[in-house]
Amino acid sequence: MMDDELFALMRRQAQAAQTLREAPGGLEKWVGKVVKVGFEQHTDPLLHKVWMWVEITEVRGRNLVGVLLNRPRYATQLKHGDTVILDKADIFALDTPDREDDNHA
């Protein structure tokens, strides 16, 4: 994917997340969605966060619960398939149908 295409896709994904965040309804609207979230990492001094995909599986109180879809290289405290708990404010982007597979696994 060319840089311009990649940046356009990232903008669409970020906008899709913002649109869903502002849409009526509770946290349940996120269940079944695949979202991009930034996780703290401590292995590379040049990176503050590593961005990974999470599939939201349930709502637990005021939090979203999901399964990590990536295989982390830098956020070594996490593993593929781990359950993670998020706040909707943690979500940077929403997976969109036009996204080519970009290393979910």
N, C-alpha and C. Protein backbone atom coordinates (compact mmCIF):
# COMPACT_ATOMS: atom_id res chain seq x y z
N MET A 1 0.85 -1.17 0.00
CA MET A 1 0.00 0.00 0.00
C MET A 1 0.90 1.24 0.00
N MET A 2 0.58 2.20 -0.82
CA MET A 2 1.36 3.43 -0.91
C MET A 2 1.12 4.28 0.35
N ASP A 3 2.09 5.15 0.65
CA ASP A 3 1.97 5.98 1.84
C ASP A 3 0.69 6.80 1.85
N ASP A 4 0.34 7.43 0.72
CA ASP A 4 -0.87 8.25 0.66
C ASP A 4 -2.11 7.39 0.91
N GLU A 5 -2.14 6.19 0.34
CA GLU A 5 -3.27 5.30 0.56
C GLU A 5 -3.35 4.86 2.01
N LEU A 6 -2.19 4.57 2.60
CA LEU A 6 -2.15 4.15 4.00
C LEU A 6 -2.64 5.26 4.92
N PHE A 7 -2.18 6.48 4.68
CA PHE A 7 -2.62 7.61 5.52
C PHE A 7 -4.11 7.88 5.34
N ALA A 8 -4.61 7.74 4.11
CA ALA A 8 -6.05 7.93 3.88
C ALA A 8 -6.85 6.86 4.63
N LEU A 9 -6.37 5.63 4.61
CA LEU A 9 -7.03 4.55 5.33
C LEU A 9 -7.02 4.82 6.84
N MET A 10 -5.87 5.24 7.35
CA MET A 10 -5.77 5.55 8.79
C MET A 10 -6.74 6.66 9.18
N ARG A 11 -6.87 7.68 8.34
CA ARG A 11 -7.82 8.77 8.62
C ARG A 11 -9.25 8.24 8.64
N ARG A 12 -9.59 7.38 7.66
CA ARG A 12 -10.94 6.81 7.64
C ARG A 12 -11.22 5.97 8.87
N GLN A 13 -10.23 5.18 9.30
CA GLN A 13 -10.41 4.35 10.49
C GLN A 13 -10.57 5.20 11.75
N ALA A 14 -9.77 6.25 11.87
CA ALA A 14 -9.89 7.14 13.03
C ALA A 14 -11.24 7.85 13.02
N GLN A 15 -11.67 8.30 11.85
CA GLN A 15 -12.97 8.98 11.74
C GLN A 15 -14.11 8.01 12.05
N ALA A 16 -14.00 6.77 11.61
CA ALA A 16 -15.04 5.77 11.90
C ALA A 16 -15.17 5.55 13.40
N ALA A 17 -14.04 5.53 14.12
CA ALA A 17 -14.08 5.38 15.58
C ALA A 17 -14.75 6.58 16.22
N GLN A 18 -14.41 7.77 15.74
CA GLN A 18 -15.01 8.99 16.30
C GLN A 18 -16.51 9.02 16.05
N THR A 19 -16.91 8.63 14.86
CA THR A 19 -18.34 8.60 14.53
C THR A 19 -19.09 7.63 15.43
N LEU A 20 -18.54 6.43 15.64
CA LEU A 20 -19.19 5.46 16.51
C LEU A 20 -19.20 5.95 17.96
N ARG A 21 -18.12 6.58 18.39
CA ARG A 21 -18.04 7.10 19.76
C ARG A 21 -19.15 8.12 20.00
N GLU A 22 -19.46 8.94 19.00
CA GLU A 22 -20.46 10.00 19.13
C GLU A 22 -21.88 9.53 18.85
N ALA A 23 -22.04 8.33 18.29
CA ALA A 23 -23.36 7.82 17.94
C ALA A 23 -24.16 7.51 19.20
N PRO A 24 -25.48 7.60 19.09
CA PRO A 24 -26.32 7.25 20.24
C PRO A 24 -26.13 5.79 20.63
N GLY A 25 -26.42 5.51 21.87
CA GLY A 25 -26.33 4.14 22.36
C GLY A 25 -25.22 3.99 23.37
N GLY A 26 -25.26 2.88 24.05
CA GLY A 26 -24.27 2.61 25.09
C GLY A 26 -23.04 1.90 24.54
N LEU A 27 -22.27 1.35 25.45
CA LEU A 27 -21.04 0.67 25.09
C LEU A 27 -21.30 -0.59 24.26
N GLU A 28 -22.51 -1.13 24.34
CA GLU A 28 -22.82 -2.36 23.61
C GLU A 28 -22.59 -2.23 22.11
N LYS A 29 -22.66 -1.00 21.58
CA LYS A 29 -22.47 -0.81 20.14
C LYS A 29 -21.04 -1.17 19.70
N TRP A 30 -20.10 -1.26 20.63
CA TRP A 30 -18.72 -1.62 20.31
C TRP A 30 -18.50 -3.13 20.23
N VAL A 31 -19.39 -3.93 20.82
CA VAL A 31 -19.22 -5.39 20.85
C VAL A 31 -19.25 -5.92 19.42
N GLY A 32 -18.25 -6.76 19.10
CA GLY A 32 -18.12 -7.32 17.76
C GLY A 32 -17.24 -6.50 16.84
N LYS A 33 -16.88 -5.30 17.26
CA LYS A 33 -16.03 -4.43 16.44
C LYS A 33 -14.56 -4.74 16.70
N VAL A 34 -13.74 -4.45 15.70
CA VAL A 34 -12.29 -4.57 15.83
C VAL A 34 -11.74 -3.16 15.88
N VAL A 35 -11.01 -2.85 16.95
CA VAL A 35 -10.53 -1.49 17.18
C VAL A 35 -9.02 -1.47 17.37
N LYS A 36 -8.43 -0.31 17.08
CA LYS A 36 -6.99 -0.14 17.28
C LYS A 36 -6.77 0.64 18.57
N VAL A 37 -5.88 0.12 19.41
CA VAL A 37 -5.62 0.69 20.73
C VAL A 37 -4.11 0.79 20.93
N GLY A 38 -3.67 1.85 21.59
CA GLY A 38 -2.25 2.02 21.92
C GLY A 38 -1.94 1.41 23.28
N PHE A 39 -0.90 0.59 23.32
CA PHE A 39 -0.47 -0.05 24.56
C PHE A 39 0.93 0.44 24.92
N GLU A 40 1.16 0.65 26.21
CA GLU A 40 2.49 1.02 26.68
C GLU A 40 3.47 -0.11 26.39
N GLN A 41 4.69 0.26 26.08
CA GLN A 41 5.74 -0.74 25.87
C GLN A 41 7.02 -0.21 26.48
N HIS A 42 7.92 -1.11 26.82
CA HIS A 42 9.14 -0.70 27.52
C HIS A 42 10.40 -1.29 26.90
N THR A 43 10.30 -1.82 25.66
CA THR A 43 11.46 -2.45 25.05
C THR A 43 12.19 -1.56 24.06
N ASP A 44 11.52 -0.57 23.49
CA ASP A 44 12.14 0.31 22.49
C ASP A 44 12.03 1.75 22.99
N PRO A 45 13.16 2.40 23.29
CA PRO A 45 13.11 3.75 23.84
C PRO A 45 12.55 4.80 22.87
N LEU A 46 12.46 4.47 21.58
CA LEU A 46 11.93 5.42 20.60
C LEU A 46 10.41 5.35 20.48
N LEU A 47 9.81 4.29 20.98
CA LEU A 47 8.36 4.12 20.91
C LEU A 47 7.74 4.38 22.28
N HIS A 48 6.69 5.16 22.31
CA HIS A 48 5.94 5.35 23.56
C HIS A 48 4.83 4.32 23.67
N LYS A 49 4.15 4.11 22.55
CA LYS A 49 3.06 3.14 22.51
C LYS A 49 3.22 2.28 21.27
N VAL A 50 2.65 1.11 21.35
CA VAL A 50 2.55 0.24 20.18
C VAL A 50 1.05 0.06 19.91
N TRP A 51 0.67 0.20 18.65
CA TRP A 51 -0.74 0.17 18.27
C TRP A 51 -1.11 -1.22 17.80
N MET A 52 -2.16 -1.78 18.39
CA MET A 52 -2.58 -3.13 18.05
C MET A 52 -4.10 -3.21 17.94
N TRP A 53 -4.56 -4.25 17.26
CA TRP A 53 -5.98 -4.49 17.05
C TRP A 53 -6.55 -5.39 18.15
N VAL A 54 -7.75 -5.02 18.58
CA VAL A 54 -8.48 -5.76 19.62
C VAL A 54 -9.90 -5.98 19.13
N GLU A 55 -10.39 -7.21 19.24
CA GLU A 55 -11.80 -7.47 18.94
C GLU A 55 -12.59 -7.36 20.24
N ILE A 56 -13.55 -6.45 20.27
CA ILE A 56 -14.37 -6.23 21.46
C ILE A 56 -15.37 -7.36 21.59
N THR A 57 -15.37 -8.00 22.77
CA THR A 57 -16.23 -9.17 22.98
C THR A 57 -17.36 -8.94 23.98
N GLU A 58 -17.19 -7.97 24.87
CA GLU A 58 -18.23 -7.75 25.88
C GLU A 58 -18.05 -6.39 26.54
N VAL A 59 -19.10 -6.02 27.27
CA VAL A 59 -19.07 -4.83 28.12
C VAL A 59 -19.04 -5.30 29.55
N ARG A 60 -18.15 -4.73 30.33
CA ARG A 60 -18.05 -5.07 31.75
C ARG A 60 -18.08 -3.77 32.54
N GLY A 61 -19.26 -3.44 33.07
CA GLY A 61 -19.41 -2.17 33.78
C GLY A 61 -19.23 -1.01 32.82
N ARG A 62 -18.25 -0.15 33.12
CA ARG A 62 -17.94 1.00 32.26
C ARG A 62 -16.80 0.71 31.29
N ASN A 63 -16.39 -0.54 31.20
CA ASN A 63 -15.25 -0.91 30.36
C ASN A 63 -15.66 -1.83 29.22
N LEU A 64 -14.83 -1.84 28.19
CA LEU A 64 -14.95 -2.78 27.09
C LEU A 64 -13.92 -3.88 27.31
N VAL A 65 -14.28 -5.10 26.99
CA VAL A 65 -13.37 -6.23 27.11
C VAL A 65 -13.18 -6.80 25.71
N GLY A 66 -11.93 -7.13 25.39
CA GLY A 66 -11.67 -7.67 24.07
C GLY A 66 -10.49 -8.62 24.05
N VAL A 67 -10.24 -9.17 22.87
CA VAL A 67 -9.17 -10.13 22.65
C VAL A 67 -8.13 -9.49 21.73
N LEU A 68 -6.87 -9.56 22.13
CA LEU A 68 -5.78 -9.00 21.34
C LEU A 68 -5.57 -9.85 20.09
N LEU A 69 -5.60 -9.21 18.92
CA LEU A 69 -5.46 -9.93 17.66
C LEU A 69 -4.02 -9.95 17.14
N ASN A 70 -3.21 -9.00 17.55
CA ASN A 70 -1.81 -8.95 17.08
C ASN A 70 -0.92 -9.89 17.88
N ARG A 71 0.26 -10.10 17.34
CA ARG A 71 1.34 -10.82 18.04
C ARG A 71 2.38 -9.77 18.42
N PRO A 72 2.32 -9.27 19.65
CA PRO A 72 3.18 -8.14 20.04
C PRO A 72 4.67 -8.45 19.98
N ARG A 73 5.43 -7.49 19.47
CA ARG A 73 6.89 -7.57 19.48
C ARG A 73 7.48 -6.63 20.52
N TYR A 74 6.80 -5.52 20.78
CA TYR A 74 7.34 -4.52 21.69
C TYR A 74 6.62 -4.48 23.04
N ALA A 75 5.33 -4.66 23.05
CA ALA A 75 4.57 -4.68 24.30
C ALA A 75 4.61 -6.12 24.81
N THR A 76 5.76 -6.49 25.35
CA THR A 76 6.02 -7.89 25.69
C THR A 76 5.20 -8.38 26.88
N GLN A 77 4.51 -7.48 27.57
CA GLN A 77 3.65 -7.92 28.67
C GLN A 77 2.36 -8.53 28.13
N LEU A 78 2.13 -8.43 26.80
CA LEU A 78 0.92 -8.96 26.18
C LEU A 78 1.26 -10.07 25.20
N LYS A 79 0.26 -10.95 24.98
CA LYS A 79 0.40 -12.03 24.01
C LYS A 79 -0.84 -12.09 23.13
N HIS A 80 -0.67 -12.60 21.93
CA HIS A 80 -1.79 -12.81 21.03
C HIS A 80 -2.87 -13.61 21.76
N GLY A 81 -4.11 -13.15 21.67
CA GLY A 81 -5.21 -13.86 22.31
C GLY A 81 -5.49 -13.42 23.74
N ASP A 82 -4.63 -12.56 24.31
CA ASP A 82 -4.87 -12.07 25.67
C ASP A 82 -6.18 -11.28 25.74
N THR A 83 -6.84 -11.37 26.88
CA THR A 83 -8.00 -10.55 27.16
C THR A 83 -7.51 -9.21 27.68
N VAL A 84 -8.03 -8.13 27.13
CA VAL A 84 -7.65 -6.79 27.57
C VAL A 84 -8.91 -6.02 27.93
N ILE A 85 -8.77 -5.11 28.88
CA ILE A 85 -9.88 -4.28 29.33
C ILE A 85 -9.55 -2.84 28.95
N LEU A 86 -10.52 -2.18 28.29
CA LEU A 86 -10.30 -0.84 27.77
C LEU A 86 -11.42 0.10 28.16
N ASP A 87 -11.12 1.36 28.04
CA ASP A 87 -12.11 2.43 28.09
C ASP A 87 -12.34 2.84 26.64
N LYS A 88 -13.54 3.29 26.29
CA LYS A 88 -13.77 3.68 24.89
C LYS A 88 -12.86 4.83 24.47
N ALA A 89 -12.39 5.62 25.42
CA ALA A 89 -11.46 6.72 25.11
C ALA A 89 -10.10 6.19 24.65
N ASP A 90 -9.78 4.92 24.95
CA ASP A 90 -8.52 4.32 24.53
C ASP A 90 -8.50 3.98 23.05
N ILE A 91 -9.67 3.96 22.42
CA ILE A 91 -9.78 3.51 21.04
C ILE A 91 -9.35 4.62 20.09
N PHE A 92 -8.37 4.29 19.23
CA PHE A 92 -7.87 5.24 18.25
C PHE A 92 -8.59 5.09 16.91
N ALA A 93 -8.85 3.86 16.50
CA ALA A 93 -9.41 3.63 15.18
C ALA A 93 -10.34 2.42 15.20
N LEU A 94 -11.21 2.38 14.22
CA LEU A 94 -12.17 1.29 14.05
C LEU A 94 -11.84 0.61 12.72
N ASP A 95 -11.72 -0.70 12.74
CA ASP A 95 -11.44 -1.43 11.52
C ASP A 95 -12.53 -1.14 10.51
N THR A 96 -12.14 -0.96 9.27
CA THR A 96 -13.10 -0.66 8.21
C THR A 96 -13.02 -1.75 7.15
N PRO A 97 -14.10 -1.99 6.43
CA PRO A 97 -14.14 -3.08 5.47
C PRO A 97 -13.09 -2.98 4.35
N ASP A 98 -12.59 -1.77 4.07
CA ASP A 98 -11.64 -1.62 2.96
C ASP A 98 -10.20 -1.83 3.39
N ARG A 99 -9.98 -2.19 4.67
CA ARG A 99 -8.62 -2.42 5.15
C ARG A 99 -8.11 -3.76 4.66
N GLU A 100 -6.91 -3.74 4.05
CA GLU A 100 -6.27 -5.01 3.73
C GLU A 100 -5.74 -5.57 5.04
N ASP A 101 -5.56 -6.88 5.11
CA ASP A 101 -5.03 -7.47 6.33
C ASP A 101 -3.68 -6.85 6.64
N ASP A 102 -3.58 -6.17 7.77
CA ASP A 102 -2.34 -5.45 8.09
C ASP A 102 -1.73 -5.99 9.37
N ASN A 103 -1.45 -7.28 9.33
CA ASN A 103 -0.70 -7.91 10.41
C ASN A 103 -1.52 -8.07 11.68
N HIS A 104 -2.79 -8.42 11.54
CA HIS A 104 -3.57 -8.74 12.75
C HIS A 104 -2.94 -9.87 13.52
N ALA A 105 -2.42 -10.83 12.81
CA ALA A 105 -1.88 -12.02 13.49
C ALA A 105 -0.39 -11.92 13.65
